[in-house]
């Protein structure tokens, strides 16, 4: 047995508002979890670069890092500087 439901324009507006609010909250950075140091995988994702390009940034001194137990960490402020375009790490 199927039940027919009537969806009104107001129902759609309410759904749209809920959906937009949920999307906004997902896109905002989590302030309580603001990290000072981030790992290589996240740096590559943020900058949109390959592992080789990230290695070149380390080797040529464009991006400083710290290695602890085999894991490379990068300062959040250095990544932000690159994203703001104060330095252009790659040609293109």
PDB file of N, CA and C in Angstrom:
ATOM      1  N   UNK A   1       0.829  -1.164   0.000  1.00  0.00           N
ATOM      2  CA  UNK A   1       0.000   0.000   0.000  1.00  0.00           C
ATOM      3  C   UNK A   1       0.884   1.241   0.000  1.00  0.00           C
ATOM      4  N   UNK A   2       0.673   2.152  -0.882  1.00  0.00           N
ATOM      5  CA  UNK A   2       1.446   3.383  -0.947  1.00  0.00           C
ATOM      6  C   UNK A   2       0.615   4.536  -0.420  1.00  0.00           C
ATOM      7  N   UNK A   3       1.287   5.443   0.181  1.00  0.00           N
ATOM      8  CA  UNK A   3       0.628   6.625   0.730  1.00  0.00           C
ATOM      9  C   UNK A   3       1.106   7.820  -0.073  1.00  0.00           C
ATOM     10  N   UNK A   4       0.190   8.574  -0.577  1.00  0.00           N
ATOM     11  CA  UNK A   4       0.541   9.783  -1.312  1.00  0.00           C
ATOM     12  C   UNK A   4       0.670  10.941  -0.331  1.00  0.00           C
ATOM     13  N   UNK A   5       1.771  11.686  -0.506  1.00  0.00           N
ATOM     14  CA  UNK A   5       1.980  12.860   0.326  1.00  0.00           C
ATOM     15  C   UNK A   5       2.064  14.066  -0.577  1.00  0.00           C
ATOM     16  N   UNK A   6       1.554  15.141  -0.122  1.00  0.00           N
ATOM     17  CA  UNK A   6       1.585  16.384  -0.861  1.00  0.00           C
ATOM     18  C   UNK A   6       2.745  17.218  -0.343  1.00  0.00           C
ATOM     19  N   UNK A   7       3.643  17.568  -1.235  1.00  0.00           N
ATOM     20  CA  UNK A   7       4.775  18.401  -0.870  1.00  0.00           C
ATOM     21  C   UNK A   7       4.492  19.804  -1.388  1.00  0.00           C
ATOM     22  N   UNK A   8       4.525  20.748  -0.479  1.00  0.00           N
ATOM     23  CA  UNK A   8       4.210  22.123  -0.851  1.00  0.00           C
ATOM     24  C   UNK A   8       5.495  22.898  -1.143  1.00  0.00           C
ATOM     25  N   UNK A   9       5.340  24.061  -1.716  1.00  0.00           N
ATOM     26  CA  UNK A   9       6.490  24.938  -1.955  1.00  0.00           C
ATOM     27  C   UNK A   9       7.162  25.307  -0.641  1.00  0.00           C
ATOM     28  N   UNK A  10       6.361  25.496   0.391  1.00  0.00           N
ATOM     29  CA  UNK A  10       6.918  25.831   1.704  1.00  0.00           C
ATOM     30  C   UNK A  10       7.762  24.669   2.241  1.00  0.00           C
ATOM     31  N   UNK A  11       7.344  23.432   2.016  1.00  0.00           N
ATOM     32  CA  UNK A  11       8.144  22.268   2.401  1.00  0.00           C
ATOM     33  C   UNK A  11       9.497  22.286   1.693  1.00  0.00           C
ATOM     34  N   UNK A  12       9.491  22.597   0.410  1.00  0.00           N
ATOM     35  CA  UNK A  12      10.730  22.655  -0.372  1.00  0.00           C
ATOM     36  C   UNK A  12      11.632  23.782   0.113  1.00  0.00           C
ATOM     37  N   UNK A  13      11.048  24.922   0.439  1.00  0.00           N
ATOM     38  CA  UNK A  13      11.847  26.048   0.960  1.00  0.00           C
ATOM     39  C   UNK A  13      12.512  25.661   2.291  1.00  0.00           C
ATOM     40  N   UNK A  14      11.756  25.024   3.152  1.00  0.00           N
ATOM     41  CA  UNK A  14      12.295  24.605   4.445  1.00  0.00           C
ATOM     42  C   UNK A  14      13.424  23.591   4.251  1.00  0.00           C
ATOM     43  N   UNK A  15      13.234  22.658   3.335  1.00  0.00           N
ATOM     44  CA  UNK A  15      14.269  21.673   3.031  1.00  0.00           C
ATOM     45  C   UNK A  15      15.520  22.354   2.494  1.00  0.00           C
ATOM     46  N   UNK A  16      15.336  23.306   1.604  1.00  0.00           N
ATOM     47  CA  UNK A  16      16.453  24.048   1.027  1.00  0.00           C
ATOM     48  C   UNK A  16      17.231  24.770   2.132  1.00  0.00           C
ATOM     49  N   UNK A  17      16.526  25.433   3.034  1.00  0.00           N
ATOM     50  CA  UNK A  17      17.174  26.166   4.123  1.00  0.00           C
ATOM     51  C   UNK A  17      17.976  25.212   5.015  1.00  0.00           C
ATOM     52  N   UNK A  18      17.399  24.079   5.349  1.00  0.00           N
ATOM     53  CA  UNK A  18      18.105  23.085   6.172  1.00  0.00           C
ATOM     54  C   UNK A  18      19.341  22.560   5.464  1.00  0.00           C
ATOM     55  N   UNK A  19      19.203  22.254   4.192  1.00  0.00           N
ATOM     56  CA  UNK A  19      20.312  21.724   3.413  1.00  0.00           C
ATOM     57  C   UNK A  19      21.448  22.739   3.306  1.00  0.00           C
ATOM     58  N   UNK A  20      21.112  23.997   3.027  1.00  0.00           N
ATOM     59  CA  UNK A  20      22.140  25.032   2.926  1.00  0.00           C
ATOM     60  C   UNK A  20      22.855  25.233   4.260  1.00  0.00           C
ATOM     61  N   UNK A  21      22.119  25.233   5.340  1.00  0.00           N
ATOM     62  CA  UNK A  21      22.733  25.399   6.663  1.00  0.00           C
ATOM     63  C   UNK A  21      23.670  24.243   6.974  1.00  0.00           C
ATOM     64  N   UNK A  22      23.262  23.051   6.655  1.00  0.00           N
ATOM     65  CA  UNK A  22      24.120  21.889   6.897  1.00  0.00           C
ATOM     66  C   UNK A  22      25.387  21.954   6.043  1.00  0.00           C
ATOM     67  N   UNK A  23      25.246  22.371   4.793  1.00  0.00           N
ATOM     68  CA  UNK A  23      26.415  22.483   3.916  1.00  0.00           C
ATOM     69  C   UNK A  23      27.369  23.568   4.418  1.00  0.00           C
ATOM     70  N   UNK A  24      26.829  24.687   4.868  1.00  0.00           N
ATOM     71  CA  UNK A  24      27.678  25.765   5.406  1.00  0.00           C
ATOM     72  C   UNK A  24      28.469  25.282   6.612  1.00  0.00           C
ATOM     73  N   UNK A  25      27.811  24.560   7.498  1.00  0.00           N
ATOM     74  CA  UNK A  25      28.505  24.089   8.692  1.00  0.00           C
ATOM     75  C   UNK A  25      29.593  23.082   8.339  1.00  0.00           C
ATOM     76  N   UNK A  26      29.393  22.311   7.288  1.00  0.00           N
ATOM     77  CA  UNK A  26      30.406  21.338   6.862  1.00  0.00           C
ATOM     78  C   UNK A  26      31.601  22.023   6.210  1.00  0.00           C
ATOM     79  N   UNK A  27      31.379  23.145   5.560  1.00  0.00           N
ATOM     80  CA  UNK A  27      32.448  23.823   4.849  1.00  0.00           C
ATOM     81  C   UNK A  27      33.273  24.744   5.736  1.00  0.00           C
ATOM     82  N   UNK A  28      32.745  25.154   6.868  1.00  0.00           N
ATOM     83  CA  UNK A  28      33.487  26.031   7.763  1.00  0.00           C
ATOM     84  C   UNK A  28      34.571  25.249   8.476  1.00  0.00           C
ATOM     85  N   UNK A  29      35.754  25.867   8.621  1.00  0.00           N
ATOM     86  CA  UNK A  29      36.818  25.164   9.348  1.00  0.00           C
ATOM     87  C   UNK A  29      36.424  24.966  10.806  1.00  0.00           C
ATOM     88  N   UNK A  30      36.896  23.880  11.354  1.00  0.00           N
ATOM     89  CA  UNK A  30      36.604  23.574  12.746  1.00  0.00           C
ATOM     90  C   UNK A  30      37.590  24.356  13.603  1.00  0.00           C
ATOM     91  N   UNK A  31      37.118  25.408  14.235  1.00  0.00           N
ATOM     92  CA  UNK A  31      37.993  26.305  14.997  1.00  0.00           C
ATOM     93  C   UNK A  31      38.559  25.632  16.245  1.00  0.00           C
ATOM     94  N   UNK A  32      37.790  24.806  16.883  1.00  0.00           N
ATOM     95  CA  UNK A  32      38.278  24.150  18.099  1.00  0.00           C
ATOM     96  C   UNK A  32      39.406  23.183  17.800  1.00  0.00           C
ATOM     97  N   UNK A  33      39.470  22.714  16.575  1.00  0.00           N
ATOM     98  CA  UNK A  33      40.483  21.738  16.200  1.00  0.00           C
ATOM     99  C   UNK A  33      41.536  22.376  15.295  1.00  0.00           C
ATOM    100  N   UNK A  34      41.763  23.680  15.457  1.00  0.00           N
ATOM    101  CA  UNK A  34      42.740  24.379  14.630  1.00  0.00           C
ATOM    102  C   UNK A  34      44.128  23.823  14.927  1.00  0.00           C
ATOM    103  N   UNK A  35      44.699  23.175  13.942  1.00  0.00           N
ATOM    104  CA  UNK A  35      45.985  22.517  14.124  1.00  0.00           C
ATOM    105  C   UNK A  35      47.125  23.462  13.749  1.00  0.00           C
ATOM    106  N   UNK A  36      48.181  23.422  14.526  1.00  0.00           N
ATOM    107  CA  UNK A  36      49.366  24.200  14.187  1.00  0.00           C
ATOM    108  C   UNK A  36      50.217  23.432  13.170  1.00  0.00           C
ATOM    109  N   UNK A  37      50.205  22.116  13.255  1.00  0.00           N
ATOM    110  CA  UNK A  37      51.008  21.281  12.378  1.00  0.00           C
ATOM    111  C   UNK A  37      50.093  20.338  11.607  1.00  0.00           C
ATOM    112  N   UNK A  38      50.380  20.154  10.321  1.00  0.00           N
ATOM    113  CA  UNK A  38      49.585  19.228   9.519  1.00  0.00           C
ATOM    114  C   UNK A  38      50.500  18.284   8.754  1.00  0.00           C
ATOM    115  N   UNK A  39      49.967  17.115   8.416  1.00  0.00           N
ATOM    116  CA  UNK A  39      50.752  16.068   7.757  1.00  0.00           C
ATOM    117  C   UNK A  39      50.775  16.274   6.238  1.00  0.00           C
ATOM    118  N   UNK A  40      51.691  15.545   5.591  1.00  0.00           N
ATOM    119  CA  UNK A  40      51.924  15.671   4.151  1.00  0.00           C
ATOM    120  C   UNK A  40      50.663  15.485   3.306  1.00  0.00           C
ATOM    121  N   UNK A  41      49.874  14.478   3.623  1.00  0.00           N
ATOM    122  CA  UNK A  41      48.682  14.195   2.813  1.00  0.00           C
ATOM    123  C   UNK A  41      47.723  15.384   2.792  1.00  0.00           C
ATOM    124  N   UNK A  42      47.531  16.003   3.939  1.00  0.00           N
ATOM    125  CA  UNK A  42      46.628  17.153   3.992  1.00  0.00           C
ATOM    126  C   UNK A  42      47.227  18.363   3.271  1.00  0.00           C
ATOM    127  N   UNK A  43      48.542  18.528   3.372  1.00  0.00           N
ATOM    128  CA  UNK A  43      49.213  19.621   2.657  1.00  0.00           C
ATOM    129  C   UNK A  43      49.026  19.450   1.153  1.00  0.00           C
ATOM    130  N   UNK A  44      49.222  18.232   0.675  1.00  0.00           N
ATOM    131  CA  UNK A  44      49.056  17.975  -0.766  1.00  0.00           C
ATOM    132  C   UNK A  44      47.625  18.260  -1.207  1.00  0.00           C
ATOM    133  N   UNK A  45      46.665  17.891  -0.381  1.00  0.00           N
ATOM    134  CA  UNK A  45      45.264  18.135  -0.710  1.00  0.00           C
ATOM    135  C   UNK A  45      44.966  19.632  -0.737  1.00  0.00           C
ATOM    136  N   UNK A  46      45.446  20.358   0.272  1.00  0.00           N
ATOM    137  CA  UNK A  46      45.196  21.795   0.356  1.00  0.00           C
ATOM    138  C   UNK A  46      45.817  22.561  -0.813  1.00  0.00           C
ATOM    139  N   UNK A  47      47.028  22.168  -1.183  1.00  0.00           N
ATOM    140  CA  UNK A  47      47.729  22.868  -2.254  1.00  0.00           C
ATOM    141  C   UNK A  47      47.423  22.300  -3.636  1.00  0.00           C
ATOM    142  N   UNK A  48      46.815  21.129  -3.669  1.00  0.00           N
ATOM    143  CA  UNK A  48      46.502  20.496  -4.952  1.00  0.00           C
ATOM    144  C   UNK A  48      47.750  20.066  -5.703  1.00  0.00           C
ATOM    145  N   UNK A  49      48.685  19.455  -4.976  1.00  0.00           N
ATOM    146  CA  UNK A  49      49.958  19.069  -5.578  1.00  0.00           C
ATOM    147  C   UNK A  49      50.233  17.580  -5.352  1.00  0.00           C
ATOM    148  N   UNK A  50      51.193  17.068  -6.107  1.00  0.00           N
ATOM    149  CA  UNK A  50      51.576  15.663  -6.008  1.00  0.00           C
ATOM    150  C   UNK A  50      52.633  15.479  -4.917  1.00  0.00           C
ATOM    151  N   UNK A  51      52.883  14.227  -4.517  1.00  0.00           N
ATOM    152  CA  UNK A  51      53.944  13.971  -3.541  1.00  0.00           C
ATOM    153  C   UNK A  51      55.306  14.481  -4.024  1.00  0.00           C
ATOM    154  N   UNK A  52      55.587  14.338  -5.316  1.00  0.00           N
ATOM    155  CA  UNK A  52      56.858  14.810  -5.863  1.00  0.00           C
ATOM    156  C   UNK A  52      57.008  16.321  -5.780  1.00  0.00           C
ATOM    157  N   UNK A  53      55.927  17.033  -6.048  1.00  0.00           N
ATOM    158  CA  UNK A  53      55.971  18.490  -5.951  1.00  0.00           C
ATOM    159  C   UNK A  53      56.187  18.917  -4.503  1.00  0.00           C
ATOM    160  N   UNK A  54      55.536  18.239  -3.573  1.00  0.00           N
ATOM    161  CA  UNK A  54      55.739  18.552  -2.156  1.00  0.00           C
ATOM    162  C   UNK A  54      57.194  18.301  -1.760  1.00  0.00           C
ATOM    163  N   UNK A  55      57.764  17.229  -2.268  1.00  0.00           N
ATOM    164  CA  UNK A  55      59.176  16.951  -1.986  1.00  0.00           C
ATOM    165  C   UNK A  55      60.060  18.060  -2.546  1.00  0.00           C
ATOM    166  N   UNK A  56      59.772  18.526  -3.751  1.00  0.00           N
ATOM    167  CA  UNK A  56      60.543  19.626  -4.329  1.00  0.00           C
ATOM    168  C   UNK A  56      60.445  20.887  -3.481  1.00  0.00           C
ATOM    169  N   UNK A  57      59.266  21.164  -2.928  1.00  0.00           N
ATOM    170  CA  UNK A  57      59.101  22.336  -2.065  1.00  0.00           C
ATOM    171  C   UNK A  57      59.960  22.223  -0.809  1.00  0.00           C
ATOM    172  N   UNK A  58      60.086  20.998  -0.297  1.00  0.00           N
ATOM    173  CA  UNK A  58      60.948  20.777   0.872  1.00  0.00           C
ATOM    174  C   UNK A  58      62.413  20.948   0.488  1.00  0.00           C
ATOM    175  N   UNK A  59      62.813  20.311  -0.607  1.00  0.00           N
ATOM    176  CA  UNK A  59      64.220  20.299  -1.018  1.00  0.00           C
ATOM    177  C   UNK A  59      64.715  21.710  -1.340  1.00  0.00           C
ATOM    178  N   UNK A  60      63.890  22.496  -2.051  1.00  0.00           N
ATOM    179  CA  UNK A  60      64.358  23.829  -2.437  1.00  0.00           C
ATOM    180  C   UNK A  60      64.130  24.887  -1.355  1.00  0.00           C
ATOM    181  N   UNK A  61      63.598  24.460  -0.191  1.00  0.00           N
ATOM    182  CA  UNK A  61      63.461  25.365   0.940  1.00  0.00           C
ATOM    183  C   UNK A  61      62.229  26.257   0.906  1.00  0.00           C
ATOM    184  N   UNK A  62      61.350  26.039  -0.051  1.00  0.00           N
ATOM    185  CA  UNK A  62      60.142  26.848  -0.136  1.00  0.00           C
ATOM    186  C   UNK A  62      59.215  26.566   1.038  1.00  0.00           C
ATOM    187  N   UNK A  63      59.214  25.326   1.499  1.00  0.00           N
ATOM    188  CA  UNK A  63      58.319  24.928   2.576  1.00  0.00           C
ATOM    189  C   UNK A  63      59.115  24.196   3.650  1.00  0.00           C
ATOM    190  N   UNK A  64      59.128  24.766   4.847  1.00  0.00           N
ATOM    191  CA  UNK A  64      59.853  24.112   5.942  1.00  0.00           C
ATOM    192  C   UNK A  64      58.987  23.011   6.538  1.00  0.00           C
ATOM    193  N   UNK A  65      59.645  22.085   7.211  1.00  0.00           N
ATOM    194  CA  UNK A  65      58.941  20.934   7.783  1.00  0.00           C
ATOM    195  C   UNK A  65      59.700  20.422   8.991  1.00  0.00           C
ATOM    196  N   UNK A  66      59.052  19.561   9.727  1.00  0.00           N
ATOM    197  CA  UNK A  66      59.653  18.869  10.856  1.00  0.00           C
ATOM    198  C   UNK A  66      59.337  17.397  10.706  1.00  0.00           C
ATOM    199  N   UNK A  67      60.338  16.565  10.915  1.00  0.00           N
ATOM    200  CA  UNK A  67      60.146  15.124  10.798  1.00  0.00           C
ATOM    201  C   UNK A  67      60.220  14.506  12.189  1.00  0.00           C
ATOM    202  N   UNK A  68      59.145  13.794  12.545  1.00  0.00           N
ATOM    203  CA  UNK A  68      59.087  13.120  13.843  1.00  0.00           C
ATOM    204  C   UNK A  68      58.674  11.674  13.599  1.00  0.00           C
ATOM    205  N   UNK A  69      59.554  10.756  13.933  1.00  0.00           N
ATOM    206  CA  UNK A  69      59.250   9.338  13.794  1.00  0.00           C
ATOM    207  C   UNK A  69      58.869   8.929  12.384  1.00  0.00           C
ATOM    208  N   UNK A  70      59.476   9.517  11.393  1.00  0.00           N
ATOM    209  CA  UNK A  70      59.183   9.151  10.011  1.00  0.00           C
ATOM    210  C   UNK A  70      57.997   9.880   9.396  1.00  0.00           C
ATOM    211  N   UNK A  71      57.338  10.739  10.155  1.00  0.00           N
ATOM    212  CA  UNK A  71      56.197  11.497   9.638  1.00  0.00           C
ATOM    213  C   UNK A  71      56.603  12.954   9.495  1.00  0.00           C
ATOM    214  N   UNK A  72      56.296  13.528   8.336  1.00  0.00           N
ATOM    215  CA  UNK A  72      56.621  14.924   8.082  1.00  0.00           C
ATOM    216  C   UNK A  72      55.446  15.812   8.467  1.00  0.00           C
ATOM    217  N   UNK A  73      55.756  16.891   9.194  1.00  0.00           N
ATOM    218  CA  UNK A  73      54.750  17.853   9.615  1.00  0.00           C
ATOM    219  C   UNK A  73      55.114  19.238   9.075  1.00  0.00           C
ATOM    220  N   UNK A  74      54.090  19.996   8.727  1.00  0.00           N
ATOM    221  CA  UNK A  74      54.268  21.336   8.168  1.00  0.00           C
ATOM    222  C   UNK A  74      53.450  22.311   8.990  1.00  0.00           C
ATOM    223  N   UNK A  75      53.965  23.533   9.166  1.00  0.00           N
ATOM    224  CA  UNK A  75      53.244  24.542   9.924  1.00  0.00           C
ATOM    225  C   UNK A  75      52.043  25.036   9.129  1.00  0.00           C
ATOM    226  N   UNK A  76      50.920  25.135   9.813  1.00  0.00           N
ATOM    227  CA  UNK A  76      49.688  25.631   9.198  1.00  0.00           C
ATOM    228  C   UNK A  76      49.900  27.032   8.619  1.00  0.00           C
ATOM    229  N   UNK A  77      50.629  27.900   9.319  1.00  0.00           N
ATOM    230  CA  UNK A  77      50.833  29.265   8.847  1.00  0.00           C
ATOM    231  C   UNK A  77      51.658  29.302   7.564  1.00  0.00           C
ATOM    232  N   UNK A  78      52.585  28.374   7.384  1.00  0.00           N
ATOM    233  CA  UNK A  78      53.356  28.311   6.140  1.00  0.00           C
ATOM    234  C   UNK A  78      52.466  27.899   4.972  1.00  0.00           C
ATOM    235  N   UNK A  79      51.567  26.958   5.225  1.00  0.00           N
ATOM    236  CA  UNK A  79      50.632  26.516   4.189  1.00  0.00           C
ATOM    237  C   UNK A  79      49.688  27.663   3.829  1.00  0.00           C
ATOM    238  N   UNK A  80      49.206  28.385   4.837  1.00  0.00           N
ATOM    239  CA  UNK A  80      48.316  29.524   4.591  1.00  0.00           C
ATOM    240  C   UNK A  80      49.022  30.577   3.745  1.00  0.00           C
ATOM    241  N   UNK A  81      50.300  30.814   4.018  1.00  0.00           N
ATOM    242  CA  UNK A  81      51.081  31.795   3.248  1.00  0.00           C
ATOM    243  C   UNK A  81      51.154  31.384   1.776  1.00  0.00           C
ATOM    244  N   UNK A  82      51.372  30.111   1.536  1.00  0.00           N
ATOM    245  CA  UNK A  82      51.420  29.628   0.159  1.00  0.00           C
ATOM    246  C   UNK A  82      50.056  29.761  -0.518  1.00  0.00           C
ATOM    247  N   UNK A  83      48.997  29.441   0.212  1.00  0.00           N
ATOM    248  CA  UNK A  83      47.651  29.541  -0.359  1.00  0.00           C
ATOM    249  C   UNK A  83      47.260  30.985  -0.649  1.00  0.00           C
ATOM    250  N   UNK A  84      47.756  31.918   0.145  1.00  0.00           N
ATOM    251  CA  UNK A  84      47.450  33.331  -0.066  1.00  0.00           C
ATOM    252  C   UNK A  84      48.236  33.906  -1.230  1.00  0.00           C
ATOM    253  N   UNK A  85      49.200  33.163  -1.735  1.00  0.00           N
ATOM    254  CA  UNK A  85      49.938  33.600  -2.902  1.00  0.00           C
ATOM    255  C   UNK A  85      51.117  34.502  -2.598  1.00  0.00           C
ATOM    256  N   UNK A  86      51.532  34.540  -1.322  1.00  0.00           N
ATOM    257  CA  UNK A  86      52.690  35.352  -0.978  1.00  0.00           C
ATOM    258  C   UNK A  86      53.953  34.749  -1.566  1.00  0.00           C
ATOM    259  N   UNK A  87      53.919  33.457  -1.782  1.00  0.00           N
ATOM    260  CA  UNK A  87      54.996  32.767  -2.474  1.00  0.00           C
ATOM    261  C   UNK A  87      54.338  31.841  -3.477  1.00  0.00           C
ATOM    262  N   UNK A  88      54.915  31.731  -4.630  1.00  0.00           N
ATOM    263  CA  UNK A  88      54.380  30.821  -5.616  1.00  0.00           C
ATOM    264  C   UNK A  88      55.335  29.645  -5.732  1.00  0.00           C
ATOM    265  N   UNK A  89      54.973  28.508  -5.142  1.00  0.00           N
ATOM    266  CA  UNK A  89      55.911  27.395  -5.054  1.00  0.00           C
ATOM    267  C   UNK A  89      56.133  26.640  -6.355  1.00  0.00           C
ATOM    268  N   UNK A  90      55.232  26.750  -7.281  1.00  0.00           N
ATOM    269  CA  UNK A  90      55.377  26.007  -8.523  1.00  0.00           C
ATOM    270  C   UNK A  90      55.068  26.910  -9.697  1.00  0.00           C
ATOM    271  N   UNK A  91      55.627  26.573 -10.819  1.00  0.00           N
ATOM    272  CA  UNK A  91      55.382  27.360 -12.036  1.00  0.00           C
ATOM    273  C   UNK A  91      54.178  26.796 -12.762  1.00  0.00           C
ATOM    274  N   UNK A  92      53.389  27.706 -13.330  1.00  0.00           N
ATOM    275  CA  UNK A  92      52.258  27.185 -14.063  1.00  0.00           C
ATOM    276  C   UNK A  92      51.162  28.143 -14.262  1.00  0.00           C
TER     277      UNK A  92
END
